[in-house]
Amino acid sequence: MPDIHIHRDHHLGFKEARKVAFSWAEKAEEKFDMECTYEEGETEDLLTFTRSGVKGTLLVDAHQFEMKAQLGFLFGAFKDRIEAEIGEQLDALLNAPHPGAKKPAVDKKKHAAEAGAYKPGTKAAAKPAAKAKKA
C-alpha cells in the first residue's frame, strides 16, 4: 500500500494548532467524505480519518503537524497528487490569519512603490472608466 507522510513545523502554539486541525478535519469530511475522529490530549491531539481506500492519522502538538496515511489500491495511483493537495491544504491553513494574531504593519508607500503605483512627489492620475459598447 502506498503511504503518505506529511510533516509541517509551526509556531502557532497548541491552542491555535488544534483549531487548524479542526478546520482540516471539517474540510476533509466535507470535501472527501472522510469520517474523522478527534482525540484531545494534554500535549498532543490525534485526528484519525478514514473512508473507503484511505485511512490515516494527523498528530498535532504545539510545534508540528505529522500526517500519515495509507492509500488503497485505487487511490495509490494518485498518491503524488493526493499528497500534494493535502500538503497545500495544510500550508494554506497554517498560513491563514488566525484570530488574535497581530497583522504585520504594512508600509503603504513602499508597497505601492514596489507595485509601480506610487512615486514620491506625484499624484496618481485617475483613469476614466471604459465605456461599454452598445450592441
N, C-alpha and C. Protein backbone atom coordinates (compact mmCIF):
# COMPACT_ATOMS: atom_id res chain seq x y z
N MET A 1 0.84 -1.19 0.00
CA MET A 1 0.00 0.00 0.00
C MET A 1 0.88 1.25 0.00
N PRO A 2 0.61 2.19 -0.91
CA PRO A 2 1.36 3.45 -0.90
C PRO A 2 1.07 4.25 0.36
N ASP A 3 2.10 4.82 0.92
CA ASP A 3 1.96 5.62 2.13
C ASP A 3 2.20 7.09 1.84
N ILE A 4 1.52 7.92 2.61
CA ILE A 4 1.72 9.37 2.55
C ILE A 4 2.23 9.80 3.92
N HIS A 5 3.25 10.62 3.91
CA HIS A 5 3.79 11.16 5.15
C HIS A 5 4.04 12.64 4.92
N ILE A 6 3.36 13.48 5.70
CA ILE A 6 3.50 14.93 5.58
C ILE A 6 3.82 15.48 6.96
N HIS A 7 4.87 16.29 7.01
CA HIS A 7 5.29 16.88 8.28
C HIS A 7 5.40 18.39 8.09
N ARG A 8 4.79 19.14 8.99
CA ARG A 8 4.88 20.60 8.95
C ARG A 8 5.18 21.11 10.35
N ASP A 9 6.25 21.89 10.48
CA ASP A 9 6.52 22.59 11.72
C ASP A 9 5.69 23.86 11.73
N HIS A 10 5.39 24.36 12.93
CA HIS A 10 4.64 25.60 13.03
C HIS A 10 5.03 26.31 14.33
N HIS A 11 4.60 27.57 14.42
CA HIS A 11 4.85 28.39 15.60
C HIS A 11 3.53 28.94 16.16
N LEU A 12 2.46 28.18 15.97
CA LEU A 12 1.14 28.63 16.38
C LEU A 12 0.86 28.43 17.86
N GLY A 13 1.52 27.49 18.44
CA GLY A 13 1.17 27.08 19.79
C GLY A 13 0.09 26.00 19.70
N PHE A 14 -0.12 25.31 20.80
CA PHE A 14 -1.01 24.15 20.80
C PHE A 14 -2.47 24.54 20.56
N LYS A 15 -2.93 25.60 21.19
CA LYS A 15 -4.33 26.01 21.08
C LYS A 15 -4.70 26.35 19.63
N GLU A 16 -3.88 27.14 18.97
CA GLU A 16 -4.15 27.53 17.58
C GLU A 16 -3.95 26.34 16.64
N ALA A 17 -2.98 25.49 16.93
CA ALA A 17 -2.75 24.30 16.09
C ALA A 17 -3.98 23.39 16.13
N ARG A 18 -4.58 23.29 17.30
CA ARG A 18 -5.80 22.49 17.46
C ARG A 18 -6.91 23.04 16.56
N LYS A 19 -7.03 24.36 16.49
CA LYS A 19 -8.05 24.98 15.64
C LYS A 19 -7.80 24.66 14.17
N VAL A 20 -6.52 24.69 13.77
CA VAL A 20 -6.17 24.36 12.39
C VAL A 20 -6.53 22.91 12.10
N ALA A 21 -6.24 22.01 13.03
CA ALA A 21 -6.56 20.60 12.83
C ALA A 21 -8.07 20.39 12.71
N PHE A 22 -8.84 21.09 13.55
CA PHE A 22 -10.30 21.00 13.44
C PHE A 22 -10.76 21.48 12.07
N SER A 23 -10.19 22.58 11.58
CA SER A 23 -10.56 23.10 10.27
C SER A 23 -10.25 22.09 9.18
N TRP A 24 -9.07 21.46 9.27
CA TRP A 24 -8.70 20.47 8.27
C TRP A 24 -9.68 19.30 8.31
N ALA A 25 -10.04 18.85 9.50
CA ALA A 25 -10.98 17.73 9.64
C ALA A 25 -12.34 18.07 9.02
N GLU A 26 -12.82 19.29 9.25
CA GLU A 26 -14.09 19.71 8.67
C GLU A 26 -14.03 19.69 7.15
N LYS A 27 -12.93 20.19 6.60
CA LYS A 27 -12.78 20.19 5.14
C LYS A 27 -12.68 18.77 4.60
N ALA A 28 -11.96 17.89 5.30
CA ALA A 28 -11.81 16.50 4.86
C ALA A 28 -13.16 15.78 4.87
N GLU A 29 -13.96 16.05 5.89
CA GLU A 29 -15.28 15.43 5.95
C GLU A 29 -16.18 15.93 4.83
N GLU A 30 -16.13 17.23 4.60
CA GLU A 30 -16.99 17.85 3.60
C GLU A 30 -16.55 17.53 2.18
N LYS A 31 -15.27 17.72 1.90
CA LYS A 31 -14.78 17.61 0.53
C LYS A 31 -14.50 16.17 0.11
N PHE A 32 -13.99 15.35 1.04
CA PHE A 32 -13.56 14.00 0.68
C PHE A 32 -14.40 12.90 1.32
N ASP A 33 -15.48 13.28 1.99
CA ASP A 33 -16.36 12.33 2.63
C ASP A 33 -15.62 11.43 3.62
N MET A 34 -14.68 12.03 4.33
CA MET A 34 -13.91 11.31 5.35
C MET A 34 -14.72 11.22 6.64
N GLU A 35 -14.47 10.18 7.39
CA GLU A 35 -15.00 10.07 8.74
C GLU A 35 -13.85 10.40 9.67
N CYS A 36 -13.99 11.45 10.44
CA CYS A 36 -12.90 11.92 11.30
C CYS A 36 -13.26 11.77 12.77
N THR A 37 -12.28 11.36 13.55
CA THR A 37 -12.42 11.26 14.99
C THR A 37 -11.27 12.05 15.60
N TYR A 38 -11.60 12.98 16.50
CA TYR A 38 -10.60 13.85 17.10
C TYR A 38 -10.47 13.54 18.58
N GLU A 39 -9.26 13.18 19.01
CA GLU A 39 -8.99 12.89 20.42
C GLU A 39 -8.05 13.95 20.97
N GLU A 40 -8.54 14.72 21.94
CA GLU A 40 -7.72 15.76 22.54
C GLU A 40 -6.87 15.17 23.66
N GLY A 41 -5.63 15.63 23.73
CA GLY A 41 -4.72 15.24 24.79
C GLY A 41 -4.18 16.48 25.48
N GLU A 42 -3.37 16.27 26.49
CA GLU A 42 -2.80 17.41 27.21
C GLU A 42 -1.68 18.08 26.43
N THR A 43 -0.85 17.30 25.73
CA THR A 43 0.27 17.87 24.99
C THR A 43 0.20 17.60 23.49
N GLU A 44 -0.70 16.69 23.08
CA GLU A 44 -0.87 16.42 21.65
C GLU A 44 -2.27 15.87 21.41
N ASP A 45 -2.76 16.11 20.21
CA ASP A 45 -4.06 15.60 19.80
C ASP A 45 -3.86 14.62 18.65
N LEU A 46 -4.81 13.71 18.51
CA LEU A 46 -4.75 12.74 17.44
C LEU A 46 -6.05 12.78 16.66
N LEU A 47 -5.94 13.09 15.38
CA LEU A 47 -7.07 13.07 14.47
C LEU A 47 -6.94 11.81 13.62
N THR A 48 -7.96 10.98 13.67
CA THR A 48 -7.98 9.77 12.85
C THR A 48 -9.01 9.98 11.76
N PHE A 49 -8.63 9.67 10.51
CA PHE A 49 -9.55 9.85 9.39
C PHE A 49 -9.57 8.59 8.55
N THR A 50 -10.74 8.32 7.99
CA THR A 50 -10.90 7.12 7.19
C THR A 50 -12.05 7.26 6.20
N ARG A 51 -11.95 6.54 5.14
CA ARG A 51 -13.00 6.35 4.15
C ARG A 51 -12.56 5.17 3.31
N SER A 52 -13.39 4.70 2.46
CA SER A 52 -13.04 3.55 1.64
C SER A 52 -11.76 3.87 0.85
N GLY A 53 -10.73 3.08 1.05
CA GLY A 53 -9.48 3.25 0.31
C GLY A 53 -8.48 4.18 0.95
N VAL A 54 -8.81 4.80 2.08
CA VAL A 54 -7.90 5.73 2.75
C VAL A 54 -8.07 5.60 4.26
N LYS A 55 -6.96 5.56 4.97
CA LYS A 55 -7.02 5.66 6.42
C LYS A 55 -5.72 6.29 6.89
N GLY A 56 -5.85 7.09 7.96
CA GLY A 56 -4.65 7.76 8.43
C GLY A 56 -4.86 8.51 9.72
N THR A 57 -3.78 9.19 10.13
CA THR A 57 -3.79 9.98 11.35
C THR A 57 -3.10 11.31 11.12
N LEU A 58 -3.51 12.28 11.92
CA LEU A 58 -2.84 13.58 11.96
C LEU A 58 -2.52 13.83 13.43
N LEU A 59 -1.25 13.87 13.75
CA LEU A 59 -0.80 14.13 15.10
C LEU A 59 -0.49 15.62 15.20
N VAL A 60 -1.05 16.27 16.21
CA VAL A 60 -0.94 17.72 16.37
C VAL A 60 -0.37 18.03 17.74
N ASP A 61 0.67 18.87 17.77
CA ASP A 61 1.17 19.35 19.06
C ASP A 61 1.54 20.82 18.93
N ALA A 62 2.19 21.36 19.91
CA ALA A 62 2.48 22.80 19.95
C ALA A 62 3.49 23.24 18.89
N HIS A 63 4.17 22.28 18.24
CA HIS A 63 5.24 22.66 17.31
C HIS A 63 5.14 22.02 15.93
N GLN A 64 4.28 21.02 15.76
CA GLN A 64 4.27 20.32 14.48
C GLN A 64 2.94 19.63 14.18
N PHE A 65 2.77 19.35 12.90
CA PHE A 65 1.70 18.51 12.40
C PHE A 65 2.40 17.34 11.72
N GLU A 66 1.94 16.13 11.98
CA GLU A 66 2.50 14.97 11.31
C GLU A 66 1.37 14.08 10.84
N MET A 67 1.24 13.99 9.52
CA MET A 67 0.18 13.18 8.93
C MET A 67 0.78 11.92 8.32
N LYS A 68 0.12 10.82 8.60
CA LYS A 68 0.47 9.54 7.98
C LYS A 68 -0.81 8.94 7.46
N ALA A 69 -0.77 8.47 6.23
CA ALA A 69 -1.97 7.87 5.64
C ALA A 69 -1.58 6.69 4.77
N GLN A 70 -2.48 5.74 4.70
CA GLN A 70 -2.31 4.60 3.82
C GLN A 70 -3.40 4.67 2.77
N LEU A 71 -2.98 4.50 1.54
CA LEU A 71 -3.93 4.54 0.43
C LEU A 71 -4.14 3.13 -0.10
N GLY A 72 -5.38 2.82 -0.40
CA GLY A 72 -5.70 1.53 -1.00
C GLY A 72 -5.25 1.50 -2.46
N PHE A 73 -5.50 0.39 -3.09
CA PHE A 73 -5.04 0.16 -4.46
C PHE A 73 -5.50 1.25 -5.43
N LEU A 74 -6.78 1.57 -5.41
CA LEU A 74 -7.31 2.54 -6.38
C LEU A 74 -6.75 3.94 -6.18
N PHE A 75 -6.61 4.37 -4.91
CA PHE A 75 -6.06 5.69 -4.64
C PHE A 75 -4.55 5.74 -4.79
N GLY A 76 -3.91 4.59 -4.73
CA GLY A 76 -2.45 4.53 -4.84
C GLY A 76 -1.93 5.13 -6.13
N ALA A 77 -2.70 5.02 -7.19
CA ALA A 77 -2.29 5.59 -8.48
C ALA A 77 -2.22 7.11 -8.43
N PHE A 78 -2.91 7.71 -7.48
CA PHE A 78 -2.96 9.17 -7.37
C PHE A 78 -2.19 9.68 -6.15
N LYS A 79 -1.29 8.87 -5.62
CA LYS A 79 -0.56 9.19 -4.39
C LYS A 79 0.08 10.57 -4.44
N ASP A 80 0.84 10.86 -5.49
CA ASP A 80 1.55 12.14 -5.57
C ASP A 80 0.60 13.31 -5.58
N ARG A 81 -0.47 13.18 -6.32
CA ARG A 81 -1.47 14.26 -6.41
C ARG A 81 -2.18 14.46 -5.06
N ILE A 82 -2.55 13.38 -4.41
CA ILE A 82 -3.23 13.45 -3.12
C ILE A 82 -2.30 14.07 -2.08
N GLU A 83 -1.06 13.62 -2.06
CA GLU A 83 -0.08 14.15 -1.10
C GLU A 83 0.15 15.64 -1.32
N ALA A 84 0.25 16.05 -2.56
CA ALA A 84 0.46 17.47 -2.87
C ALA A 84 -0.75 18.30 -2.43
N GLU A 85 -1.96 17.81 -2.69
CA GLU A 85 -3.15 18.57 -2.33
C GLU A 85 -3.31 18.69 -0.82
N ILE A 86 -3.06 17.61 -0.10
CA ILE A 86 -3.16 17.66 1.36
C ILE A 86 -2.10 18.62 1.91
N GLY A 87 -0.89 18.55 1.37
CA GLY A 87 0.16 19.47 1.81
C GLY A 87 -0.21 20.92 1.56
N GLU A 88 -0.81 21.20 0.41
CA GLU A 88 -1.24 22.57 0.09
C GLU A 88 -2.34 23.03 1.04
N GLN A 89 -3.26 22.13 1.36
CA GLN A 89 -4.34 22.48 2.29
C GLN A 89 -3.79 22.81 3.67
N LEU A 90 -2.87 21.99 4.16
CA LEU A 90 -2.27 22.27 5.46
C LEU A 90 -1.50 23.58 5.44
N ASP A 91 -0.74 23.79 4.37
CA ASP A 91 0.02 25.04 4.26
C ASP A 91 -0.91 26.25 4.25
N ALA A 92 -2.01 26.16 3.53
CA ALA A 92 -2.97 27.27 3.47
C ALA A 92 -3.56 27.53 4.85
N LEU A 93 -3.91 26.47 5.56
CA LEU A 93 -4.47 26.64 6.91
C LEU A 93 -3.43 27.20 7.88
N LEU A 94 -2.20 26.76 7.75
CA LEU A 94 -1.14 27.24 8.65
C LEU A 94 -0.78 28.69 8.37
N ASN A 95 -0.93 29.13 7.13
CA ASN A 95 -0.57 30.50 6.77
C ASN A 95 -1.75 31.45 6.82
N ALA A 96 -2.94 30.94 7.07
CA ALA A 96 -4.13 31.80 7.16
C ALA A 96 -4.05 32.63 8.43
N PRO A 97 -4.59 33.85 8.39
CA PRO A 97 -4.61 34.65 9.61
C PRO A 97 -5.48 33.98 10.67
N HIS A 98 -5.02 34.00 11.88
CA HIS A 98 -5.74 33.37 12.98
C HIS A 98 -6.27 34.45 13.91
N PRO A 99 -7.45 34.24 14.48
CA PRO A 99 -8.00 35.24 15.41
C PRO A 99 -7.01 35.55 16.53
N GLY A 100 -6.85 36.80 16.80
CA GLY A 100 -5.95 37.21 17.88
C GLY A 100 -4.51 37.41 17.41
N ALA A 101 -4.21 36.96 16.20
CA ALA A 101 -2.85 37.14 15.71
C ALA A 101 -2.69 38.57 15.21
N LYS A 102 -1.53 39.16 15.47
CA LYS A 102 -1.28 40.53 15.01
C LYS A 102 -0.94 40.51 13.54
N LYS A 103 -1.50 41.46 12.82
CA LYS A 103 -1.18 41.61 11.41
C LYS A 103 0.09 42.42 11.31
N PRO A 104 0.99 42.05 10.38
CA PRO A 104 2.21 42.83 10.24
C PRO A 104 1.89 44.22 9.70
N ALA A 105 2.64 45.20 10.17
CA ALA A 105 2.45 46.57 9.70
C ALA A 105 2.86 46.64 8.24
N VAL A 106 2.09 47.34 7.45
CA VAL A 106 2.37 47.46 6.02
C VAL A 106 2.72 48.91 5.73
N ASP A 107 3.86 49.11 5.10
CA ASP A 107 4.26 50.43 4.65
C ASP A 107 3.60 50.65 3.30
N LYS A 108 2.48 51.39 3.29
CA LYS A 108 1.67 51.54 2.08
C LYS A 108 2.46 52.19 0.95
N LYS A 109 3.28 53.19 1.28
CA LYS A 109 4.05 53.86 0.24
C LYS A 109 5.06 52.89 -0.37
N LYS A 110 5.75 52.13 0.47
CA LYS A 110 6.74 51.18 -0.02
C LYS A 110 6.05 50.11 -0.86
N HIS A 111 4.92 49.59 -0.36
CA HIS A 111 4.19 48.56 -1.08
C HIS A 111 3.74 49.07 -2.45
N ALA A 112 3.20 50.29 -2.49
CA ALA A 112 2.74 50.88 -3.74
C ALA A 112 3.91 51.13 -4.68
N ALA A 113 5.04 51.58 -4.14
CA ALA A 113 6.22 51.84 -4.97
C ALA A 113 6.71 50.55 -5.61
N GLU A 114 6.70 49.45 -4.82
CA GLU A 114 7.13 48.16 -5.35
C GLU A 114 6.19 47.69 -6.46
N ALA A 115 4.94 48.06 -6.36
CA ALA A 115 3.96 47.68 -7.37
C ALA A 115 3.98 48.66 -8.55
N GLY A 116 4.77 49.74 -8.44
CA GLY A 116 4.89 50.72 -9.51
C GLY A 116 3.75 51.73 -9.52
N ALA A 117 2.98 51.82 -8.44
CA ALA A 117 1.83 52.71 -8.43
C ALA A 117 2.09 54.00 -7.68
N TYR A 118 3.19 54.11 -6.97
CA TYR A 118 3.44 55.30 -6.16
C TYR A 118 4.82 55.85 -6.48
N LYS A 119 4.86 57.13 -6.76
CA LYS A 119 6.13 57.79 -6.98
C LYS A 119 6.12 59.02 -6.07
N PRO A 120 7.12 59.15 -5.22
CA PRO A 120 7.15 60.27 -4.29
C PRO A 120 7.01 61.60 -5.03
N GLY A 121 6.17 62.50 -4.48
CA GLY A 121 6.02 63.83 -5.04
C GLY A 121 5.06 63.92 -6.20
N THR A 122 4.45 62.82 -6.60
CA THR A 122 3.47 62.87 -7.70
C THR A 122 2.14 62.33 -7.21
N LYS A 123 1.10 62.76 -7.88
CA LYS A 123 -0.22 62.24 -7.57
C LYS A 123 -0.60 61.24 -8.64
N ALA A 124 -1.22 60.19 -8.23
CA ALA A 124 -1.67 59.19 -9.19
C ALA A 124 -2.85 59.75 -9.97
N ALA A 125 -2.79 59.64 -11.28
CA ALA A 125 -3.88 60.13 -12.12
C ALA A 125 -4.97 59.08 -12.16
N ALA A 126 -6.20 59.55 -12.01
CA ALA A 126 -7.33 58.63 -12.07
C ALA A 126 -7.59 58.30 -13.53
N LYS A 127 -7.81 57.04 -13.80
CA LYS A 127 -8.11 56.62 -15.17
C LYS A 127 -9.62 56.60 -15.34
N PRO A 128 -10.09 57.14 -16.48
CA PRO A 128 -11.54 57.10 -16.72
C PRO A 128 -12.00 55.66 -16.91
N ALA A 129 -13.23 55.39 -16.49
CA ALA A 129 -13.79 54.05 -16.68
C ALA A 129 -14.02 53.82 -18.17
N ALA A 130 -13.81 52.60 -18.60
CA ALA A 130 -14.02 52.25 -20.00
C ALA A 130 -15.52 52.31 -20.30
N LYS A 131 -15.85 52.85 -21.47
CA LYS A 131 -17.25 52.96 -21.85
C LYS A 131 -17.69 51.64 -22.48
N ALA A 132 -18.89 51.22 -22.13
CA ALA A 132 -19.43 49.98 -22.68
C ALA A 132 -19.94 50.26 -24.08
N LYS A 133 -19.71 49.32 -24.98
CA LYS A 133 -20.19 49.45 -26.35
C LYS A 133 -21.64 49.01 -26.42
N LYS A 134 -22.41 49.72 -27.21
CA LYS A 134 -23.80 49.33 -27.39
C LYS A 134 -23.88 48.26 -28.45
N ALA A 135 -24.76 47.32 -28.23
CA ALA A 135 -24.90 46.19 -29.18
C ALA A 135 -25.81 46.55 -30.33
